[in-house]
Amino acid sequence: QRGCVCLEIDTWDGYLDKDEDKTPVPIVYHGYTMTSKIRFSDIIKCVNGFINTYPQTYPIILSFENHCSRPYNEVIAR
């Protein structure tokens, strides 16, 4: 028998990047607490690195608690 890993990711509107396009940058944190705010892209890179390093950990279920507006959701969907 095998279990699974479930990772809950709380996404929120972050800020506009300082690049020319002012790209929305979604952030991840546990809302209304004193947790650090981390870029969504960094979380996905970390999860991807973990999966590539430890493929035997499948399946990993990503549970998104999404609090983002449309522009930030469009970035997440990419």
PDB file of N, CA and C in Angstrom:
ATOM      1  N   GLN A   1       0.833  -1.194   0.000  1.00  0.00           N
ATOM      2  CA  GLN A   1       0.000   0.000   0.000  1.00  0.00           C
ATOM      3  C   GLN A   1       0.859   1.232   0.000  1.00  0.00           C
ATOM      4  N   ARG A   2       0.302   2.278  -0.515  1.00  0.00           N
ATOM      5  CA  ARG A   2       1.009   3.531  -0.659  1.00  0.00           C
ATOM      6  C   ARG A   2       0.133   4.686  -0.272  1.00  0.00           C
ATOM      7  N   GLY A   3       0.696   5.679   0.357  1.00  0.00           N
ATOM      8  CA  GLY A   3      -0.046   6.888   0.701  1.00  0.00           C
ATOM      9  C   GLY A   3       0.169   7.957  -0.349  1.00  0.00           C
ATOM     10  N   CYS A   4      -0.087   9.167   0.044  1.00  0.00           N
ATOM     11  CA  CYS A   4       0.149  10.293  -0.845  1.00  0.00           C
ATOM     12  C   CYS A   4       0.528  11.500   0.013  1.00  0.00           C
ATOM     13  N   VAL A   5       0.983  12.539  -0.640  1.00  0.00           N
ATOM     14  CA  VAL A   5       1.315  13.797   0.025  1.00  0.00           C
ATOM     15  C   VAL A   5       0.355  14.849  -0.494  1.00  0.00           C
ATOM     16  N   CYS A   6      -0.256  15.594   0.415  1.00  0.00           N
ATOM     17  CA  CYS A   6      -1.150  16.680   0.014  1.00  0.00           C
ATOM     18  C   CYS A   6      -0.542  17.991   0.489  1.00  0.00           C
ATOM     19  N   LEU A   7      -0.340  18.901  -0.425  1.00  0.00           N
ATOM     20  CA  LEU A   7       0.257  20.195  -0.124  1.00  0.00           C
ATOM     21  C   LEU A   7      -0.778  21.278  -0.394  1.00  0.00           C
ATOM     22  N   GLU A   8      -1.198  21.982   0.647  1.00  0.00           N
ATOM     23  CA  GLU A   8      -2.161  23.078   0.466  1.00  0.00           C
ATOM     24  C   GLU A   8      -1.384  24.355   0.201  1.00  0.00           C
ATOM     25  N   ILE A   9      -1.773  25.052  -0.861  1.00  0.00           N
ATOM     26  CA  ILE A   9      -1.092  26.280  -1.258  1.00  0.00           C
ATOM     27  C   ILE A   9      -2.114  27.415  -1.266  1.00  0.00           C
ATOM     28  N   ASP A  10      -1.953  28.367  -0.349  1.00  0.00           N
ATOM     29  CA  ASP A  10      -2.846  29.532  -0.261  1.00  0.00           C
ATOM     30  C   ASP A  10      -2.266  30.660  -1.104  1.00  0.00           C
ATOM     31  N   THR A  11      -2.903  30.946  -2.236  1.00  0.00           N
ATOM     32  CA  THR A  11      -2.396  31.976  -3.150  1.00  0.00           C
ATOM     33  C   THR A  11      -3.176  33.271  -2.988  1.00  0.00           C
ATOM     34  N   TRP A  12      -2.443  34.365  -3.068  1.00  0.00           N
ATOM     35  CA  TRP A  12      -3.011  35.705  -2.892  1.00  0.00           C
ATOM     36  C   TRP A  12      -2.416  36.654  -3.925  1.00  0.00           C
ATOM     37  N   ASP A  13      -3.136  37.755  -4.181  1.00  0.00           N
ATOM     38  CA  ASP A  13      -2.566  38.815  -5.005  1.00  0.00           C
ATOM     39  C   ASP A  13      -1.307  39.312  -4.310  1.00  0.00           C
ATOM     40  N   GLY A  14      -0.244  39.457  -5.069  1.00  0.00           N
ATOM     41  CA  GLY A  14       1.017  39.913  -4.500  1.00  0.00           C
ATOM     42  C   GLY A  14       1.302  41.352  -4.872  1.00  0.00           C
ATOM     43  N   TYR A  15       2.137  41.506  -5.863  1.00  0.00           N
ATOM     44  CA  TYR A  15       2.566  42.842  -6.274  1.00  0.00           C
ATOM     45  C   TYR A  15       2.819  42.809  -7.772  1.00  0.00           C
ATOM     46  N   LEU A  16       3.048  43.961  -8.344  1.00  0.00           N
ATOM     47  CA  LEU A  16       3.403  44.042  -9.753  1.00  0.00           C
ATOM     48  C   LEU A  16       4.919  44.066  -9.852  1.00  0.00           C
ATOM     49  N   ASP A  17       5.460  43.191 -10.703  1.00  0.00           N
ATOM     50  CA  ASP A  17       6.906  43.106 -10.871  1.00  0.00           C
ATOM     51  C   ASP A  17       7.435  44.431 -11.400  1.00  0.00           C
ATOM     52  N   LYS A  18       8.686  44.685 -11.154  1.00  0.00           N
ATOM     53  CA  LYS A  18       9.283  45.953 -11.574  1.00  0.00           C
ATOM     54  C   LYS A  18       9.750  45.933 -13.024  1.00  0.00           C
ATOM     55  N   ASP A  19       9.422  44.860 -13.754  1.00  0.00           N
ATOM     56  CA  ASP A  19       9.811  44.799 -15.151  1.00  0.00           C
ATOM     57  C   ASP A  19       8.968  45.770 -15.975  1.00  0.00           C
ATOM     58  N   GLU A  20       9.264  45.868 -17.249  1.00  0.00           N
ATOM     59  CA  GLU A  20       8.553  46.807 -18.122  1.00  0.00           C
ATOM     60  C   GLU A  20       7.059  46.505 -18.213  1.00  0.00           C
ATOM     61  N   ASP A  21       6.713  45.219 -18.166  1.00  0.00           N
ATOM     62  CA  ASP A  21       5.318  44.811 -18.326  1.00  0.00           C
ATOM     63  C   ASP A  21       4.508  44.919 -17.041  1.00  0.00           C
ATOM     64  N   LYS A  22       5.189  45.125 -15.907  1.00  0.00           N
ATOM     65  CA  LYS A  22       4.518  45.157 -14.600  1.00  0.00           C
ATOM     66  C   LYS A  22       3.682  43.892 -14.400  1.00  0.00           C
ATOM     67  N   THR A  23       4.311  42.744 -14.611  1.00  0.00           N
ATOM     68  CA  THR A  23       3.662  41.445 -14.494  1.00  0.00           C
ATOM     69  C   THR A  23       3.187  41.201 -13.068  1.00  0.00           C
ATOM     70  N   PRO A  24       1.943  40.751 -12.880  1.00  0.00           N
ATOM     71  CA  PRO A  24       1.477  40.401 -11.530  1.00  0.00           C
ATOM     72  C   PRO A  24       2.288  39.230 -10.968  1.00  0.00           C
ATOM     73  N   VAL A  25       2.636  39.309  -9.695  1.00  0.00           N
ATOM     74  CA  VAL A  25       3.399  38.254  -9.032  1.00  0.00           C
ATOM     75  C   VAL A  25       2.542  37.697  -7.892  1.00  0.00           C
ATOM     76  N   PRO A  26       1.910  36.522  -8.095  1.00  0.00           N
ATOM     77  CA  PRO A  26       1.122  35.911  -7.020  1.00  0.00           C
ATOM     78  C   PRO A  26       2.046  35.480  -5.879  1.00  0.00           C
ATOM     79  N   ILE A  27       1.532  35.558  -4.670  1.00  0.00           N
ATOM     80  CA  ILE A  27       2.312  35.144  -3.509  1.00  0.00           C
ATOM     81  C   ILE A  27       1.557  34.061  -2.740  1.00  0.00           C
ATOM     82  N   VAL A  28       2.311  33.339  -1.923  1.00  0.00           N
ATOM     83  CA  VAL A  28       1.756  32.248  -1.118  1.00  0.00           C
ATOM     84  C   VAL A  28       2.059  32.536   0.342  1.00  0.00           C
ATOM     85  N   TYR A  29       1.020  32.479   1.153  1.00  0.00           N
ATOM     86  CA  TYR A  29       1.186  32.543   2.607  1.00  0.00           C
ATOM     87  C   TYR A  29      -0.108  32.103   3.251  1.00  0.00           C
ATOM     88  N   HIS A  30      -0.036  31.791   4.521  1.00  0.00           N
ATOM     89  CA  HIS A  30      -1.234  31.395   5.249  1.00  0.00           C
ATOM     90  C   HIS A  30      -1.905  32.684   5.711  1.00  0.00           C
ATOM     91  N   GLY A  31      -3.007  33.033   5.072  1.00  0.00           N
ATOM     92  CA  GLY A  31      -3.648  34.331   5.249  1.00  0.00           C
ATOM     93  C   GLY A  31      -3.898  34.757   6.684  1.00  0.00           C
ATOM     94  N   TYR A  32      -3.698  36.039   6.897  1.00  0.00           N
ATOM     95  CA  TYR A  32      -3.993  36.707   8.173  1.00  0.00           C
ATOM     96  C   TYR A  32      -3.204  36.107   9.337  1.00  0.00           C
ATOM     97  N   THR A  33      -2.009  35.599   9.033  1.00  0.00           N
ATOM     98  CA  THR A  33      -1.098  35.104  10.071  1.00  0.00           C
ATOM     99  C   THR A  33       0.258  35.762   9.845  1.00  0.00           C
ATOM    100  N   MET A  34       1.199  35.463  10.695  1.00  0.00           N
ATOM    101  CA  MET A  34       2.513  36.090  10.582  1.00  0.00           C
ATOM    102  C   MET A  34       3.507  35.211   9.823  1.00  0.00           C
ATOM    103  N   THR A  35       3.027  34.488   8.822  1.00  0.00           N
ATOM    104  CA  THR A  35       3.911  33.657   8.013  1.00  0.00           C
ATOM    105  C   THR A  35       4.579  34.506   6.936  1.00  0.00           C
ATOM    106  N   SER A  36       5.699  34.030   6.431  1.00  0.00           N
ATOM    107  CA  SER A  36       6.411  34.727   5.360  1.00  0.00           C
ATOM    108  C   SER A  36       5.631  34.637   4.058  1.00  0.00           C
ATOM    109  N   LYS A  37       5.792  35.641   3.224  1.00  0.00           N
ATOM    110  CA  LYS A  37       5.163  35.642   1.903  1.00  0.00           C
ATOM    111  C   LYS A  37       6.201  35.198   0.880  1.00  0.00           C
ATOM    112  N   ILE A  38       5.826  34.169   0.104  1.00  0.00           N
ATOM    113  CA  ILE A  38       6.745  33.564  -0.867  1.00  0.00           C
ATOM    114  C   ILE A  38       6.104  33.641  -2.248  1.00  0.00           C
ATOM    115  N   ARG A  39       6.907  33.903  -3.263  1.00  0.00           N
ATOM    116  CA  ARG A  39       6.368  33.953  -4.629  1.00  0.00           C
ATOM    117  C   ARG A  39       5.842  32.581  -5.042  1.00  0.00           C
ATOM    118  N   PHE A  40       4.703  32.569  -5.709  1.00  0.00           N
ATOM    119  CA  PHE A  40       4.099  31.330  -6.198  1.00  0.00           C
ATOM    120  C   PHE A  40       5.074  30.573  -7.086  1.00  0.00           C
ATOM    121  N   SER A  41       5.781  31.275  -7.949  1.00  0.00           N
ATOM    122  CA  SER A  41       6.715  30.607  -8.863  1.00  0.00           C
ATOM    123  C   SER A  41       7.808  29.871  -8.092  1.00  0.00           C
ATOM    124  N   ASP A  42       8.254  30.418  -6.962  1.00  0.00           N
ATOM    125  CA  ASP A  42       9.272  29.746  -6.154  1.00  0.00           C
ATOM    126  C   ASP A  42       8.736  28.461  -5.530  1.00  0.00           C
ATOM    127  N   ILE A  43       7.466  28.470  -5.124  1.00  0.00           N
ATOM    128  CA  ILE A  43       6.842  27.266  -4.563  1.00  0.00           C
ATOM    129  C   ILE A  43       6.776  26.167  -5.622  1.00  0.00           C
ATOM    130  N   ILE A  44       6.350  26.520  -6.816  1.00  0.00           N
ATOM    131  CA  ILE A  44       6.222  25.536  -7.893  1.00  0.00           C
ATOM    132  C   ILE A  44       7.594  24.984  -8.276  1.00  0.00           C
ATOM    133  N   LYS A  45       8.620  25.844  -8.326  1.00  0.00           N
ATOM    134  CA  LYS A  45       9.979  25.373  -8.613  1.00  0.00           C
ATOM    135  C   LYS A  45      10.447  24.396  -7.538  1.00  0.00           C
ATOM    136  N   CYS A  46      10.135  24.686  -6.288  1.00  0.00           N
ATOM    137  CA  CYS A  46      10.527  23.820  -5.175  1.00  0.00           C
ATOM    138  C   CYS A  46       9.828  22.460  -5.275  1.00  0.00           C
ATOM    139  N   VAL A  47       8.533  22.470  -5.524  1.00  0.00           N
ATOM    140  CA  VAL A  47       7.780  21.217  -5.657  1.00  0.00           C
ATOM    141  C   VAL A  47       8.326  20.409  -6.839  1.00  0.00           C
ATOM    142  N   ASN A  48       8.586  21.077  -7.943  1.00  0.00           N
ATOM    143  CA  ASN A  48       9.123  20.397  -9.123  1.00  0.00           C
ATOM    144  C   ASN A  48      10.489  19.776  -8.825  1.00  0.00           C
ATOM    145  N   GLY A  49      11.343  20.517  -8.126  1.00  0.00           N
ATOM    146  CA  GLY A  49      12.656  19.990  -7.753  1.00  0.00           C
ATOM    147  C   GLY A  49      12.541  18.780  -6.849  1.00  0.00           C
ATOM    148  N   PHE A  50      11.617  18.825  -5.905  1.00  0.00           N
ATOM    149  CA  PHE A  50      11.407  17.698  -4.994  1.00  0.00           C
ATOM    150  C   PHE A  50      10.941  16.468  -5.756  1.00  0.00           C
ATOM    151  N   ILE A  51       9.985  16.657  -6.659  1.00  0.00           N
ATOM    152  CA  ILE A  51       9.460  15.533  -7.446  1.00  0.00           C
ATOM    153  C   ILE A  51      10.563  14.923  -8.313  1.00  0.00           C
ATOM    154  N   ASN A  52      11.394  15.769  -8.913  1.00  0.00           N
ATOM    155  CA  ASN A  52      12.473  15.252  -9.762  1.00  0.00           C
ATOM    156  C   ASN A  52      13.540  14.528  -8.943  1.00  0.00           C
ATOM    157  N   THR A  53      13.776  14.979  -7.719  1.00  0.00           N
ATOM    158  CA  THR A  53      14.783  14.365  -6.862  1.00  0.00           C
ATOM    159  C   THR A  53      14.273  13.082  -6.208  1.00  0.00           C
ATOM    160  N   TYR A  54      12.989  13.085  -5.835  1.00  0.00           N
ATOM    161  CA  TYR A  54      12.386  11.941  -5.125  1.00  0.00           C
ATOM    162  C   TYR A  54      11.128  11.456  -5.854  1.00  0.00           C
ATOM    163  N   PRO A  55      11.272  10.895  -7.039  1.00  0.00           N
ATOM    164  CA  PRO A  55      10.084  10.491  -7.811  1.00  0.00           C
ATOM    165  C   PRO A  55       9.253   9.409  -7.130  1.00  0.00           C
ATOM    166  N   GLN A  56       9.830   8.689  -6.189  1.00  0.00           N
ATOM    167  CA  GLN A  56       9.086   7.637  -5.499  1.00  0.00           C
ATOM    168  C   GLN A  56       8.034   8.207  -4.554  1.00  0.00           C
ATOM    169  N   THR A  57       7.983   9.511  -4.367  1.00  0.00           N
ATOM    170  CA  THR A  57       7.009  10.119  -3.459  1.00  0.00           C
ATOM    171  C   THR A  57       5.642  10.320  -4.106  1.00  0.00           C
ATOM    172  N   TYR A  58       5.496   9.963  -5.371  1.00  0.00           N
ATOM    173  CA  TYR A  58       4.191  10.112  -6.021  1.00  0.00           C
ATOM    174  C   TYR A  58       3.127   9.370  -5.262  1.00  0.00           C
ATOM    175  N   PRO A  59       1.891   9.725  -5.280  1.00  0.00           N
ATOM    176  CA  PRO A  59       1.398  10.977  -5.856  1.00  0.00           C
ATOM    177  C   PRO A  59       1.488  12.141  -4.866  1.00  0.00           C
ATOM    178  N   ILE A  60       1.652  13.320  -5.429  1.00  0.00           N
ATOM    179  CA  ILE A  60       1.579  14.559  -4.654  1.00  0.00           C
ATOM    180  C   ILE A  60       0.346  15.304  -5.127  1.00  0.00           C
ATOM    181  N   ILE A  61      -0.537  15.622  -4.210  1.00  0.00           N
ATOM    182  CA  ILE A  61      -1.770  16.338  -4.524  1.00  0.00           C
ATOM    183  C   ILE A  61      -1.576  17.790  -4.129  1.00  0.00           C
ATOM    184  N   LEU A  62      -1.777  18.691  -5.075  1.00  0.00           N
ATOM    185  CA  LEU A  62      -1.696  20.119  -4.790  1.00  0.00           C
ATOM    186  C   LEU A  62      -3.113  20.646  -4.587  1.00  0.00           C
ATOM    187  N   SER A  63      -3.362  21.198  -3.431  1.00  0.00           N
ATOM    188  CA  SER A  63      -4.664  21.759  -3.092  1.00  0.00           C
ATOM    189  C   SER A  63      -4.516  23.278  -3.045  1.00  0.00           C
ATOM    190  N   PHE A  64      -5.155  23.962  -3.983  1.00  0.00           N
ATOM    191  CA  PHE A  64      -5.036  25.415  -4.073  1.00  0.00           C
ATOM    192  C   PHE A  64      -6.195  26.105  -3.368  1.00  0.00           C
ATOM    193  N   GLU A  65      -5.868  26.939  -2.418  1.00  0.00           N
ATOM    194  CA  GLU A  65      -6.855  27.844  -1.826  1.00  0.00           C
ATOM    195  C   GLU A  65      -6.569  29.193  -2.477  1.00  0.00           C
ATOM    196  N   ASN A  66      -7.384  29.522  -3.472  1.00  0.00           N
ATOM    197  CA  ASN A  66      -7.083  30.645  -4.348  1.00  0.00           C
ATOM    198  C   ASN A  66      -7.850  31.896  -3.931  1.00  0.00           C
ATOM    199  N   HIS A  67      -7.108  32.950  -3.601  1.00  0.00           N
ATOM    200  CA  HIS A  67      -7.693  34.237  -3.228  1.00  0.00           C
ATOM    201  C   HIS A  67      -7.299  35.315  -4.232  1.00  0.00           C
ATOM    202  N   CYS A  68      -6.877  34.904  -5.428  1.00  0.00           N
ATOM    203  CA  CYS A  68      -6.319  35.839  -6.408  1.00  0.00           C
ATOM    204  C   CYS A  68      -7.378  36.411  -7.344  1.00  0.00           C
ATOM    205  N   SER A  69      -7.114  37.634  -7.778  1.00  0.00           N
ATOM    206  CA  SER A  69      -7.938  38.259  -8.809  1.00  0.00           C
ATOM    207  C   SER A  69      -7.506  37.719 -10.182  1.00  0.00           C
ATOM    208  N   ARG A  70      -8.262  38.047 -11.193  1.00  0.00           N
ATOM    209  CA  ARG A  70      -8.038  37.482 -12.528  1.00  0.00           C
ATOM    210  C   ARG A  70      -6.608  37.674 -13.062  1.00  0.00           C
ATOM    211  N   PRO A  71      -6.013  38.863 -12.981  1.00  0.00           N
ATOM    212  CA  PRO A  71      -4.648  39.005 -13.529  1.00  0.00           C
ATOM    213  C   PRO A  71      -3.644  38.057 -12.865  1.00  0.00           C
ATOM    214  N   TYR A  72      -3.783  37.850 -11.576  1.00  0.00           N
ATOM    215  CA  TYR A  72      -2.874  36.945 -10.869  1.00  0.00           C
ATOM    216  C   TYR A  72      -3.184  35.485 -11.198  1.00  0.00           C
ATOM    217  N   ASN A  73      -4.467  35.157 -11.381  1.00  0.00           N
ATOM    218  CA  ASN A  73      -4.849  33.809 -11.794  1.00  0.00           C
ATOM    219  C   ASN A  73      -4.288  33.464 -13.160  1.00  0.00           C
ATOM    220  N   GLU A  74      -4.240  34.441 -14.039  1.00  0.00           N
ATOM    221  CA  GLU A  74      -3.695  34.191 -15.378  1.00  0.00           C
ATOM    222  C   GLU A  74      -2.207  33.831 -15.286  1.00  0.00           C
ATOM    223  N   VAL A  75      -1.488  34.467 -14.371  1.00  0.00           N
ATOM    224  CA  VAL A  75      -0.079  34.128 -14.171  1.00  0.00           C
ATOM    225  C   VAL A  75       0.053  32.719 -13.597  1.00  0.00           C
ATOM    226  N   ILE A  76      -0.788  32.388 -12.629  1.00  0.00           N
ATOM    227  CA  ILE A  76      -0.757  31.046 -12.029  1.00  0.00           C
ATOM    228  C   ILE A  76      -1.033  29.982 -13.089  1.00  0.00           C
ATOM    229  N   ALA A  77      -1.964  30.236 -13.989  1.00  0.00           N
ATOM    230  CA  ALA A  77      -2.340  29.258 -15.003  1.00  0.00           C
ATOM    231  C   ALA A  77      -1.202  28.986 -15.998  1.00  0.00           C
ATOM    232  N   ARG A  78      -0.300  29.926 -16.149  1.00  0.00           N
ATOM    233  CA  ARG A  78       0.832  29.709 -17.071  1.00  0.00           C
ATOM    234  C   ARG A  78       1.762  28.706 -16.474  1.00  0.00           C
TER     235      ARG A  78
END
